[in-house]
Amino acid sequence: MKHLIAGLGNIGDEYRNTRHNVGFMVLDAAAAASGISFKDSRYGSVATLRHKNAQLVLLKPSTFMNLSGNAVRYWLQKEKITLENLLVITDDIAIPTGSIRLRAFGSAGGHNGLMSISEVLGTDQYARLRIGIGNDFPRGGQVNYVLGRWSPDELAILEKRIPLAVEMMLSFALSGCELTMTAYNKRGKTLTDVSGEK
């Protein structure tokens, strides 16, 4: 079974380790844990991860966030992957930093990457793994916040949470969206701070 896992972000050193690039961070962690590497290809950097009986095509679009849909559509078609086997990993300001939630479908919620994908694919009926980045910014400061770099405290949280996001991604490929939501969404909502207290 083949799946497309698209981690959203922006390319370039100026965007590295920014909150908006958490999708890239999850895929980088998955690749590092599996000993595979990304190669530059059309519309993005791509790696193939084999996990048990699943094959995951990992995609980091090079189209910049606002045109993510072009990359996702191209690789779905190229690899002949069905919409139900698409998972998009994205940042989300609506949930706390480090909180992780899998959804089978839904609105873009103002996220430019999701808006592009939904517009190009003509549907919002695809799974998305939402990584919380919080919303500690003043009125009108959303753009600077999402494009800003993580604080040391945020990075400490992410170091503990990204492995769970990778685990959920692999579960999605093996067990599907509904079973993964049932098994993991409660754990995804439970934040453990850097001292280990809940």
N, C-alpha and C. Protein backbone atom coordinates (compact mmCIF):
# COMPACT_ATOMS: atom_id res chain seq x y z
N MET A 1 0.85 -1.19 0.00
CA MET A 1 0.00 0.00 0.00
C MET A 1 0.89 1.25 0.00
N LYS A 2 0.59 2.18 -0.90
CA LYS A 2 1.41 3.37 -1.05
C LYS A 2 0.65 4.59 -0.54
N HIS A 3 1.37 5.45 0.19
CA HIS A 3 0.79 6.67 0.75
C HIS A 3 1.65 7.87 0.42
N LEU A 4 1.01 9.02 0.28
CA LEU A 4 1.73 10.28 0.14
C LEU A 4 1.62 11.05 1.44
N ILE A 5 2.75 11.36 2.05
CA ILE A 5 2.80 12.14 3.28
C ILE A 5 3.44 13.48 2.94
N ALA A 6 2.65 14.52 2.94
CA ALA A 6 3.13 15.85 2.57
C ALA A 6 3.30 16.70 3.83
N GLY A 7 4.54 17.02 4.14
CA GLY A 7 4.82 17.92 5.27
C GLY A 7 4.98 19.33 4.74
N LEU A 8 4.15 20.24 5.23
CA LEU A 8 4.14 21.59 4.67
C LEU A 8 5.19 22.50 5.31
N GLY A 9 5.68 23.43 4.50
CA GLY A 9 6.67 24.40 4.96
C GLY A 9 7.12 25.27 3.82
N ASN A 10 8.08 26.13 4.09
CA ASN A 10 8.68 27.00 3.08
C ASN A 10 10.16 26.66 2.95
N ILE A 11 10.67 26.65 1.72
CA ILE A 11 12.07 26.34 1.50
C ILE A 11 12.94 27.57 1.72
N GLY A 12 14.21 27.34 1.98
CA GLY A 12 15.16 28.44 2.15
C GLY A 12 15.62 28.56 3.59
N ASP A 13 16.88 29.00 3.76
CA ASP A 13 17.45 29.12 5.09
C ASP A 13 16.69 30.09 5.98
N GLU A 14 16.09 31.12 5.39
CA GLU A 14 15.38 32.11 6.20
C GLU A 14 14.14 31.54 6.88
N TYR A 15 13.65 30.39 6.37
CA TYR A 15 12.46 29.77 6.95
C TYR A 15 12.79 28.54 7.80
N ARG A 16 14.05 28.17 7.84
CA ARG A 16 14.44 26.97 8.59
C ARG A 16 14.15 27.16 10.09
N ASN A 17 13.58 26.14 10.70
CA ASN A 17 13.25 26.16 12.13
C ASN A 17 12.26 27.25 12.51
N THR A 18 11.37 27.58 11.59
CA THR A 18 10.27 28.49 11.91
C THR A 18 9.02 27.66 12.22
N ARG A 19 8.06 28.27 12.89
CA ARG A 19 6.86 27.54 13.30
C ARG A 19 6.09 27.00 12.10
N HIS A 20 6.06 27.76 11.01
CA HIS A 20 5.30 27.36 9.82
C HIS A 20 5.90 26.12 9.16
N ASN A 21 7.13 25.77 9.52
CA ASN A 21 7.83 24.66 8.88
C ASN A 21 7.80 23.37 9.69
N VAL A 22 6.88 23.27 10.61
CA VAL A 22 6.87 22.08 11.47
C VAL A 22 6.58 20.81 10.66
N GLY A 23 5.88 20.94 9.54
CA GLY A 23 5.65 19.77 8.68
C GLY A 23 6.94 19.22 8.13
N PHE A 24 7.85 20.11 7.72
CA PHE A 24 9.18 19.69 7.27
C PHE A 24 9.92 18.99 8.40
N MET A 25 9.79 19.54 9.62
CA MET A 25 10.52 18.99 10.76
C MET A 25 10.10 17.55 11.06
N VAL A 26 8.80 17.27 10.96
CA VAL A 26 8.32 15.91 11.22
C VAL A 26 8.87 14.94 10.18
N LEU A 27 8.85 15.33 8.90
CA LEU A 27 9.37 14.44 7.86
C LEU A 27 10.87 14.26 7.98
N ASP A 28 11.58 15.31 8.36
CA ASP A 28 13.03 15.18 8.57
C ASP A 28 13.32 14.19 9.70
N ALA A 29 12.52 14.26 10.76
CA ALA A 29 12.70 13.33 11.88
C ALA A 29 12.41 11.90 11.46
N ALA A 30 11.37 11.71 10.66
CA ALA A 30 11.02 10.36 10.19
C ALA A 30 12.12 9.80 9.31
N ALA A 31 12.67 10.64 8.43
CA ALA A 31 13.73 10.19 7.54
C ALA A 31 14.99 9.85 8.32
N ALA A 32 15.34 10.69 9.29
CA ALA A 32 16.53 10.44 10.09
C ALA A 32 16.40 9.14 10.88
N ALA A 33 15.23 8.89 11.44
CA ALA A 33 15.01 7.67 12.23
C ALA A 33 15.09 6.42 11.36
N SER A 34 14.80 6.57 10.07
CA SER A 34 14.78 5.42 9.16
C SER A 34 16.05 5.30 8.33
N GLY A 35 16.96 6.28 8.48
CA GLY A 35 18.21 6.23 7.75
C GLY A 35 18.07 6.49 6.27
N ILE A 36 17.06 7.27 5.88
CA ILE A 36 16.87 7.61 4.47
C ILE A 36 17.12 9.10 4.28
N SER A 37 17.27 9.53 3.05
CA SER A 37 17.53 10.94 2.78
C SER A 37 16.63 11.44 1.66
N PHE A 38 16.40 12.74 1.66
CA PHE A 38 15.58 13.37 0.64
C PHE A 38 16.42 13.70 -0.59
N LYS A 39 15.77 13.63 -1.74
CA LYS A 39 16.39 14.04 -2.98
C LYS A 39 15.53 15.11 -3.64
N ASP A 40 16.17 16.13 -4.20
CA ASP A 40 15.42 17.17 -4.89
C ASP A 40 14.79 16.60 -6.15
N SER A 41 13.52 16.89 -6.32
CA SER A 41 12.79 16.41 -7.49
C SER A 41 11.79 17.48 -7.91
N ARG A 42 10.90 17.13 -8.80
CA ARG A 42 9.93 18.12 -9.28
C ARG A 42 8.98 18.52 -8.16
N TYR A 43 8.83 19.77 -7.96
CA TYR A 43 7.92 20.36 -6.97
C TYR A 43 8.30 20.07 -5.53
N GLY A 44 9.48 19.50 -5.27
CA GLY A 44 9.82 19.30 -3.88
C GLY A 44 10.95 18.31 -3.66
N SER A 45 11.28 18.12 -2.38
CA SER A 45 12.24 17.10 -1.97
C SER A 45 11.45 15.86 -1.57
N VAL A 46 11.92 14.70 -2.02
CA VAL A 46 11.14 13.47 -1.87
C VAL A 46 12.03 12.35 -1.31
N ALA A 47 11.45 11.54 -0.45
CA ALA A 47 12.11 10.34 0.05
C ALA A 47 11.07 9.22 0.13
N THR A 48 11.51 8.00 0.01
CA THR A 48 10.60 6.86 0.12
C THR A 48 10.94 6.07 1.37
N LEU A 49 9.95 5.91 2.22
CA LEU A 49 10.12 5.20 3.49
C LEU A 49 9.27 3.93 3.45
N ARG A 50 9.91 2.81 3.70
CA ARG A 50 9.17 1.54 3.77
C ARG A 50 9.02 1.14 5.24
N HIS A 51 7.77 0.89 5.63
CA HIS A 51 7.48 0.52 7.02
C HIS A 51 6.53 -0.67 7.01
N LYS A 52 7.06 -1.83 7.39
CA LYS A 52 6.29 -3.08 7.35
C LYS A 52 5.75 -3.27 5.93
N ASN A 53 4.42 -3.32 5.75
CA ASN A 53 3.90 -3.54 4.40
C ASN A 53 3.45 -2.24 3.73
N ALA A 54 3.86 -1.11 4.29
CA ALA A 54 3.46 0.19 3.73
C ALA A 54 4.65 0.89 3.08
N GLN A 55 4.36 1.60 2.00
CA GLN A 55 5.36 2.45 1.35
C GLN A 55 4.89 3.89 1.45
N LEU A 56 5.72 4.73 2.06
CA LEU A 56 5.36 6.13 2.26
C LEU A 56 6.24 7.01 1.39
N VAL A 57 5.61 7.80 0.52
CA VAL A 57 6.33 8.80 -0.26
C VAL A 57 6.28 10.09 0.55
N LEU A 58 7.44 10.51 1.08
CA LEU A 58 7.52 11.71 1.90
C LEU A 58 7.83 12.90 1.01
N LEU A 59 7.01 13.93 1.09
CA LEU A 59 7.15 15.10 0.21
C LEU A 59 7.27 16.38 1.02
N LYS A 60 8.34 17.13 0.77
CA LYS A 60 8.48 18.49 1.29
C LYS A 60 8.40 19.42 0.09
N PRO A 61 7.22 20.04 -0.14
CA PRO A 61 7.04 20.86 -1.34
C PRO A 61 8.05 22.01 -1.43
N SER A 62 8.49 22.29 -2.66
CA SER A 62 9.40 23.42 -2.90
C SER A 62 8.65 24.59 -3.51
N THR A 63 7.33 24.52 -3.48
CA THR A 63 6.49 25.53 -4.13
C THR A 63 6.19 26.74 -3.25
N PHE A 64 6.69 26.72 -2.02
CA PHE A 64 6.30 27.65 -0.97
C PHE A 64 4.85 27.35 -0.56
N MET A 65 4.52 27.75 0.65
CA MET A 65 3.27 27.34 1.29
C MET A 65 2.04 27.62 0.43
N ASN A 66 1.98 28.81 -0.16
CA ASN A 66 0.76 29.23 -0.85
C ASN A 66 0.44 28.41 -2.09
N LEU A 67 1.40 27.63 -2.60
CA LEU A 67 1.17 26.82 -3.80
C LEU A 67 1.38 25.34 -3.51
N SER A 68 1.20 24.94 -2.27
CA SER A 68 1.42 23.54 -1.88
C SER A 68 0.57 22.57 -2.69
N GLY A 69 -0.59 23.01 -3.10
CA GLY A 69 -1.50 22.13 -3.84
C GLY A 69 -0.90 21.61 -5.13
N ASN A 70 -0.09 22.42 -5.81
CA ASN A 70 0.51 21.98 -7.07
C ASN A 70 1.42 20.77 -6.85
N ALA A 71 2.21 20.83 -5.77
CA ALA A 71 3.13 19.72 -5.47
C ALA A 71 2.35 18.47 -5.07
N VAL A 72 1.34 18.64 -4.23
CA VAL A 72 0.57 17.49 -3.75
C VAL A 72 -0.15 16.81 -4.91
N ARG A 73 -0.77 17.59 -5.77
CA ARG A 73 -1.48 17.01 -6.92
C ARG A 73 -0.51 16.26 -7.83
N TYR A 74 0.64 16.85 -8.11
CA TYR A 74 1.61 16.21 -9.00
C TYR A 74 2.04 14.85 -8.47
N TRP A 75 2.38 14.77 -7.19
CA TRP A 75 2.89 13.52 -6.64
C TRP A 75 1.80 12.49 -6.41
N LEU A 76 0.58 12.94 -6.14
CA LEU A 76 -0.54 11.99 -6.10
C LEU A 76 -0.69 11.31 -7.46
N GLN A 77 -0.65 12.12 -8.51
CA GLN A 77 -0.83 11.58 -9.85
C GLN A 77 0.36 10.73 -10.29
N LYS A 78 1.56 11.23 -10.02
CA LYS A 78 2.76 10.51 -10.45
C LYS A 78 2.85 9.14 -9.81
N GLU A 79 2.55 9.07 -8.51
CA GLU A 79 2.67 7.81 -7.79
C GLU A 79 1.37 7.00 -7.78
N LYS A 80 0.34 7.53 -8.45
CA LYS A 80 -0.95 6.84 -8.52
C LYS A 80 -1.48 6.51 -7.12
N ILE A 81 -1.50 7.54 -6.28
CA ILE A 81 -1.95 7.40 -4.89
C ILE A 81 -3.35 7.98 -4.76
N THR A 82 -4.24 7.25 -4.10
CA THR A 82 -5.61 7.71 -3.92
C THR A 82 -5.70 8.78 -2.83
N LEU A 83 -6.75 9.56 -2.89
CA LEU A 83 -6.94 10.66 -1.93
C LEU A 83 -7.01 10.15 -0.50
N GLU A 84 -7.57 8.97 -0.31
CA GLU A 84 -7.69 8.43 1.06
C GLU A 84 -6.33 8.05 1.64
N ASN A 85 -5.32 7.95 0.79
CA ASN A 85 -3.97 7.62 1.27
C ASN A 85 -3.06 8.84 1.30
N LEU A 86 -3.67 10.02 1.30
CA LEU A 86 -2.92 11.28 1.45
C LEU A 86 -3.01 11.76 2.89
N LEU A 87 -1.86 12.12 3.46
CA LEU A 87 -1.81 12.75 4.77
C LEU A 87 -0.98 14.02 4.66
N VAL A 88 -1.56 15.14 5.10
CA VAL A 88 -0.87 16.42 5.10
C VAL A 88 -0.50 16.78 6.53
N ILE A 89 0.76 17.09 6.77
CA ILE A 89 1.22 17.47 8.11
C ILE A 89 1.45 18.97 8.12
N THR A 90 0.78 19.65 9.05
CA THR A 90 0.77 21.11 9.01
C THR A 90 0.76 21.72 10.41
N ASP A 91 1.21 22.97 10.49
CA ASP A 91 1.12 23.72 11.74
C ASP A 91 -0.30 24.21 11.96
N ASP A 92 -0.65 24.48 13.21
CA ASP A 92 -2.01 24.94 13.52
C ASP A 92 -1.96 25.87 14.73
N ILE A 93 -2.38 27.12 14.53
CA ILE A 93 -2.38 28.09 15.62
C ILE A 93 -3.57 27.92 16.56
N ALA A 94 -4.52 27.06 16.18
CA ALA A 94 -5.74 26.91 16.98
C ALA A 94 -5.56 25.97 18.15
N ILE A 95 -4.44 25.27 18.22
CA ILE A 95 -4.21 24.34 19.33
C ILE A 95 -2.85 24.63 19.96
N PRO A 96 -2.67 24.24 21.23
CA PRO A 96 -1.45 24.61 21.96
C PRO A 96 -0.18 24.03 21.34
N THR A 97 0.91 24.68 21.59
CA THR A 97 2.20 24.22 21.08
C THR A 97 2.47 22.78 21.51
N GLY A 98 2.74 21.93 20.53
CA GLY A 98 3.03 20.53 20.80
C GLY A 98 1.84 19.60 20.83
N SER A 99 0.63 20.17 20.83
CA SER A 99 -0.56 19.32 20.76
C SER A 99 -0.68 18.78 19.33
N ILE A 100 -1.09 17.53 19.19
CA ILE A 100 -1.14 16.87 17.89
C ILE A 100 -2.52 16.25 17.71
N ARG A 101 -3.16 16.56 16.57
CA ARG A 101 -4.49 16.00 16.31
C ARG A 101 -4.60 15.57 14.85
N LEU A 102 -5.10 14.37 14.66
CA LEU A 102 -5.36 13.86 13.31
C LEU A 102 -6.84 14.06 13.00
N ARG A 103 -7.09 14.58 11.80
CA ARG A 103 -8.47 14.74 11.33
C ARG A 103 -8.59 14.12 9.95
N ALA A 104 -9.76 13.54 9.67
CA ALA A 104 -9.98 12.88 8.39
C ALA A 104 -10.28 13.87 7.27
N PHE A 105 -10.74 15.07 7.63
CA PHE A 105 -11.08 16.10 6.65
C PHE A 105 -11.32 17.38 7.42
N GLY A 106 -11.67 18.46 6.71
CA GLY A 106 -12.00 19.70 7.41
C GLY A 106 -11.63 20.92 6.61
N SER A 107 -12.03 22.06 7.13
CA SER A 107 -11.73 23.32 6.46
C SER A 107 -10.26 23.67 6.63
N ALA A 108 -9.81 24.63 5.84
CA ALA A 108 -8.42 25.06 5.90
C ALA A 108 -8.15 25.89 7.14
N GLY A 109 -9.18 26.47 7.74
CA GLY A 109 -8.98 27.27 8.94
C GLY A 109 -8.06 28.46 8.73
N GLY A 110 -8.04 28.98 7.50
CA GLY A 110 -7.20 30.13 7.21
C GLY A 110 -5.75 29.79 6.89
N HIS A 111 -5.43 28.51 6.86
CA HIS A 111 -4.05 28.09 6.57
C HIS A 111 -3.82 28.08 5.06
N ASN A 112 -2.85 28.86 4.60
CA ASN A 112 -2.64 29.02 3.17
C ASN A 112 -2.27 27.72 2.46
N GLY A 113 -1.49 26.89 3.12
CA GLY A 113 -1.11 25.63 2.51
C GLY A 113 -2.30 24.72 2.30
N LEU A 114 -3.14 24.59 3.34
CA LEU A 114 -4.34 23.76 3.22
C LEU A 114 -5.32 24.35 2.22
N MET A 115 -5.43 25.67 2.19
CA MET A 115 -6.33 26.30 1.21
C MET A 115 -5.89 25.97 -0.21
N SER A 116 -4.58 26.02 -0.47
CA SER A 116 -4.06 25.70 -1.80
C SER A 116 -4.35 24.25 -2.16
N ILE A 117 -4.12 23.33 -1.23
CA ILE A 117 -4.35 21.91 -1.50
C ILE A 117 -5.82 21.65 -1.78
N SER A 118 -6.70 22.20 -0.95
CA SER A 118 -8.14 21.99 -1.13
C SER A 118 -8.62 22.58 -2.44
N GLU A 119 -8.09 23.74 -2.81
CA GLU A 119 -8.50 24.38 -4.06
C GLU A 119 -8.04 23.58 -5.27
N VAL A 120 -6.79 23.15 -5.27
CA VAL A 120 -6.25 22.41 -6.42
C VAL A 120 -6.89 21.02 -6.54
N LEU A 121 -7.10 20.35 -5.41
CA LEU A 121 -7.69 19.01 -5.44
C LEU A 121 -9.21 19.06 -5.60
N GLY A 122 -9.80 20.22 -5.31
CA GLY A 122 -11.25 20.36 -5.43
C GLY A 122 -12.02 19.71 -4.31
N THR A 123 -11.36 19.49 -3.17
CA THR A 123 -12.01 18.85 -2.03
C THR A 123 -11.19 19.10 -0.77
N ASP A 124 -11.88 19.04 0.39
CA ASP A 124 -11.16 19.09 1.67
C ASP A 124 -11.25 17.74 2.37
N GLN A 125 -11.61 16.72 1.60
CA GLN A 125 -11.78 15.37 2.16
C GLN A 125 -10.45 14.61 2.10
N TYR A 126 -9.49 15.10 2.84
CA TYR A 126 -8.20 14.41 2.95
C TYR A 126 -7.70 14.59 4.38
N ALA A 127 -6.92 13.62 4.83
CA ALA A 127 -6.47 13.63 6.23
C ALA A 127 -5.38 14.67 6.44
N ARG A 128 -5.39 15.24 7.65
CA ARG A 128 -4.34 16.19 8.01
C ARG A 128 -3.94 15.97 9.47
N LEU A 129 -2.63 15.97 9.68
CA LEU A 129 -2.06 15.84 11.02
C LEU A 129 -1.66 17.24 11.46
N ARG A 130 -2.36 17.78 12.44
CA ARG A 130 -2.20 19.16 12.85
C ARG A 130 -1.27 19.24 14.07
N ILE A 131 -0.18 20.00 13.92
CA ILE A 131 0.77 20.18 15.01
C ILE A 131 0.58 21.57 15.58
N GLY A 132 0.21 21.65 16.85
CA GLY A 132 -0.06 22.94 17.46
C GLY A 132 1.18 23.80 17.61
N ILE A 133 1.05 25.08 17.25
CA ILE A 133 2.15 26.03 17.45
C ILE A 133 1.72 27.17 18.38
N GLY A 134 0.50 27.08 18.94
CA GLY A 134 0.03 28.12 19.84
C GLY A 134 -0.33 29.40 19.11
N ASN A 135 -0.77 30.39 19.88
CA ASN A 135 -1.18 31.67 19.27
C ASN A 135 -0.82 32.85 20.17
N ASP A 136 0.38 32.80 20.69
CA ASP A 136 0.84 33.85 21.60
C ASP A 136 1.40 35.04 20.80
N PHE A 137 0.49 35.72 20.12
CA PHE A 137 0.91 36.87 19.34
C PHE A 137 -0.14 37.97 19.45
N PRO A 138 0.26 39.23 19.31
CA PRO A 138 -0.69 40.34 19.42
C PRO A 138 -1.59 40.43 18.19
N ARG A 139 -2.64 41.16 18.30
CA ARG A 139 -3.57 41.36 17.19
C ARG A 139 -2.80 41.87 15.97
N GLY A 140 -3.01 41.20 14.83
CA GLY A 140 -2.32 41.58 13.62
C GLY A 140 -0.93 41.00 13.48
N GLY A 141 -0.50 40.20 14.46
CA GLY A 141 0.87 39.69 14.44
C GLY A 141 1.00 38.24 14.01
N GLN A 142 -0.05 37.69 13.39
CA GLN A 142 -0.03 36.27 13.05
C GLN A 142 1.08 35.91 12.06
N VAL A 143 1.26 36.71 11.01
CA VAL A 143 2.25 36.37 9.99
C VAL A 143 3.65 36.32 10.58
N ASN A 144 4.00 37.34 11.37
CA ASN A 144 5.32 37.36 11.99
C ASN A 144 5.50 36.20 12.96
N TYR A 145 4.42 35.81 13.62
CA TYR A 145 4.49 34.72 14.58
C TYR A 145 4.74 33.39 13.88
N VAL A 146 3.93 33.05 12.86
CA VAL A 146 4.08 31.74 12.23
C VAL A 146 5.40 31.64 11.47
N LEU A 147 5.90 32.78 10.98
CA LEU A 147 7.17 32.78 10.27
C LEU A 147 8.36 33.02 11.20
N GLY A 148 8.07 33.13 12.49
CA GLY A 148 9.13 33.34 13.47
C GLY A 148 9.74 32.02 13.91
N ARG A 149 10.92 32.12 14.54
CA ARG A 149 11.63 30.92 14.97
C ARG A 149 11.14 30.47 16.35
N TRP A 150 11.29 29.19 16.60
CA TRP A 150 10.86 28.61 17.87
C TRP A 150 11.70 29.18 19.01
N SER A 151 11.06 29.36 20.15
CA SER A 151 11.80 29.71 21.37
C SER A 151 12.45 28.45 21.93
N PRO A 152 13.45 28.58 22.80
CA PRO A 152 14.05 27.39 23.42
C PRO A 152 13.04 26.51 24.13
N ASP A 153 12.08 27.12 24.82
CA ASP A 153 11.06 26.34 25.52
C ASP A 153 10.19 25.57 24.54
N GLU A 154 9.83 26.20 23.42
CA GLU A 154 9.02 25.53 22.41
C GLU A 154 9.78 24.36 21.79
N LEU A 155 11.05 24.57 21.52
CA LEU A 155 11.87 23.49 20.95
C LEU A 155 11.98 22.31 21.90
N ALA A 156 12.06 22.59 23.19
CA ALA A 156 12.12 21.51 24.18
C ALA A 156 10.84 20.67 24.15
N ILE A 157 9.70 21.33 23.96
CA ILE A 157 8.43 20.61 23.84
C ILE A 157 8.42 19.78 22.56
N LEU A 158 8.83 20.41 21.46
CA LEU A 158 8.79 19.72 20.17
C LEU A 158 9.67 18.48 20.15
N GLU A 159 10.82 18.54 20.79
CA GLU A 159 11.72 17.39 20.81
C GLU A 159 11.03 16.16 21.39
N LYS A 160 10.09 16.39 22.32
CA LYS A 160 9.36 15.29 22.92
C LYS A 160 8.15 14.89 22.08
N ARG A 161 7.60 15.85 21.31
CA ARG A 161 6.34 15.59 20.63
C ARG A 161 6.48 15.11 19.19
N ILE A 162 7.54 15.52 18.51
CA ILE A 162 7.69 15.13 17.12
C ILE A 162 7.77 13.62 16.93
N PRO A 163 8.44 12.87 17.83
CA PRO A 163 8.42 11.41 17.67
C PRO A 163 7.00 10.83 17.70
N LEU A 164 6.10 11.43 18.47
CA LEU A 164 4.71 10.97 18.49
C LEU A 164 4.05 11.26 17.15
N ALA A 165 4.34 12.42 16.57
CA ALA A 165 3.79 12.75 15.25
C ALA A 165 4.25 11.74 14.20
N VAL A 166 5.52 11.35 14.27
CA VAL A 166 6.05 10.35 13.34
C VAL A 166 5.33 9.01 13.56
N GLU A 167 5.11 8.65 14.81
CA GLU A 167 4.41 7.40 15.13
C GLU A 167 3.00 7.42 14.57
N MET A 168 2.32 8.56 14.68
CA MET A 168 0.96 8.68 14.16
C MET A 168 0.95 8.59 12.64
N MET A 169 1.94 9.17 12.00
CA MET A 169 2.07 9.12 10.55
C MET A 169 2.21 7.67 10.08
N LEU A 170 3.05 6.89 10.76
CA LEU A 170 3.25 5.49 10.40
C LEU A 170 1.99 4.68 10.67
N SER A 171 1.30 4.98 11.76
CA SER A 171 0.05 4.29 12.06
C SER A 171 -1.01 4.58 11.00
N PHE A 172 -1.05 5.82 10.52
CA PHE A 172 -1.98 6.18 9.45
C PHE A 172 -1.75 5.29 8.23
N ALA A 173 -0.49 5.09 7.87
CA ALA A 173 -0.17 4.29 6.69
C ALA A 173 -0.52 2.82 6.89
N LEU A 174 -0.38 2.32 8.11
CA LEU A 174 -0.64 0.91 8.37
C LEU A 174 -2.10 0.62 8.69
N SER A 175 -2.73 1.50 9.47
CA SER A 175 -4.05 1.19 10.02
C SER A 175 -5.17 2.07 9.52
N GLY A 176 -4.83 3.16 8.82
CA GLY A 176 -5.85 4.06 8.34
C GLY A 176 -6.14 5.19 9.31
N CYS A 177 -6.95 6.13 8.85
CA CYS A 177 -7.18 7.36 9.60
C CYS A 177 -8.03 7.13 10.85
N GLU A 178 -9.14 6.43 10.72
CA GLU A 178 -10.08 6.29 11.84
C GLU A 178 -9.44 5.56 13.02
N LEU A 179 -8.77 4.45 12.75
CA LEU A 179 -8.14 3.69 13.84
C LEU A 179 -7.02 4.50 14.49
N THR A 180 -6.29 5.27 13.67
CA THR A 180 -5.20 6.08 14.23
C THR A 180 -5.75 7.19 15.09
N MET A 181 -6.84 7.83 14.67
CA MET A 181 -7.46 8.87 15.49
C MET A 181 -7.90 8.30 16.83
N THR A 182 -8.52 7.13 16.81
CA THR A 182 -8.99 6.50 18.04
C THR A 182 -7.83 6.17 18.97
N ALA A 183 -6.74 5.69 18.39
CA ALA A 183 -5.60 5.24 19.19
C ALA A 183 -4.74 6.39 19.71
N TYR A 184 -4.67 7.50 18.97
CA TYR A 184 -3.66 8.51 19.28
C TYR A 184 -4.17 9.90 19.64
N ASN A 185 -5.36 10.29 19.21
CA ASN A 185 -5.73 11.69 19.41
C ASN A 185 -5.78 12.11 20.87
N LYS A 186 -6.17 11.21 21.75
CA LYS A 186 -6.18 11.56 23.18
C LYS A 186 -4.76 11.80 23.67
N ARG A 187 -3.82 10.93 23.26
CA ARG A 187 -2.41 11.13 23.63
C ARG A 187 -1.88 12.41 23.03
N GLY A 188 -2.31 12.72 21.82
CA GLY A 188 -1.83 13.92 21.14
C GLY A 188 -2.23 15.20 21.84
N LYS A 189 -3.36 15.17 22.52
CA LYS A 189 -3.84 16.37 23.22
C LYS A 189 -3.15 16.57 24.56
N THR A 190 -2.58 15.50 25.13
CA THR A 190 -1.97 15.57 26.46
C THR A 190 -0.55 16.07 26.35
N LEU A 191 -0.33 17.31 26.80
CA LEU A 191 1.00 17.90 26.72
C LEU A 191 1.80 17.59 27.97
N THR A 192 3.04 17.24 27.77
CA THR A 192 3.97 17.07 28.87
C THR A 192 5.02 18.16 28.77
N ASP A 193 5.18 18.94 29.83
CA ASP A 193 6.12 20.04 29.73
C ASP A 193 7.56 19.52 29.90
N VAL A 194 8.51 20.40 29.79
CA VAL A 194 9.92 19.99 29.76
C VAL A 194 10.37 19.37 31.07
N SER A 195 9.66 19.58 32.15
CA SER A 195 10.05 18.99 33.43
C SER A 195 9.44 17.60 33.62
N GLY A 196 8.58 17.19 32.66
CA GLY A 196 7.96 15.87 32.74
C GLY A 196 6.64 15.88 33.47
N GLU A 197 6.16 17.04 33.93
CA GLU A 197 4.90 17.11 34.62
C GLU A 197 3.77 17.35 33.62
N LYS A 198 2.58 16.83 33.92
CA LYS A 198 1.44 17.03 33.05
C LYS A 198 0.55 18.15 33.59
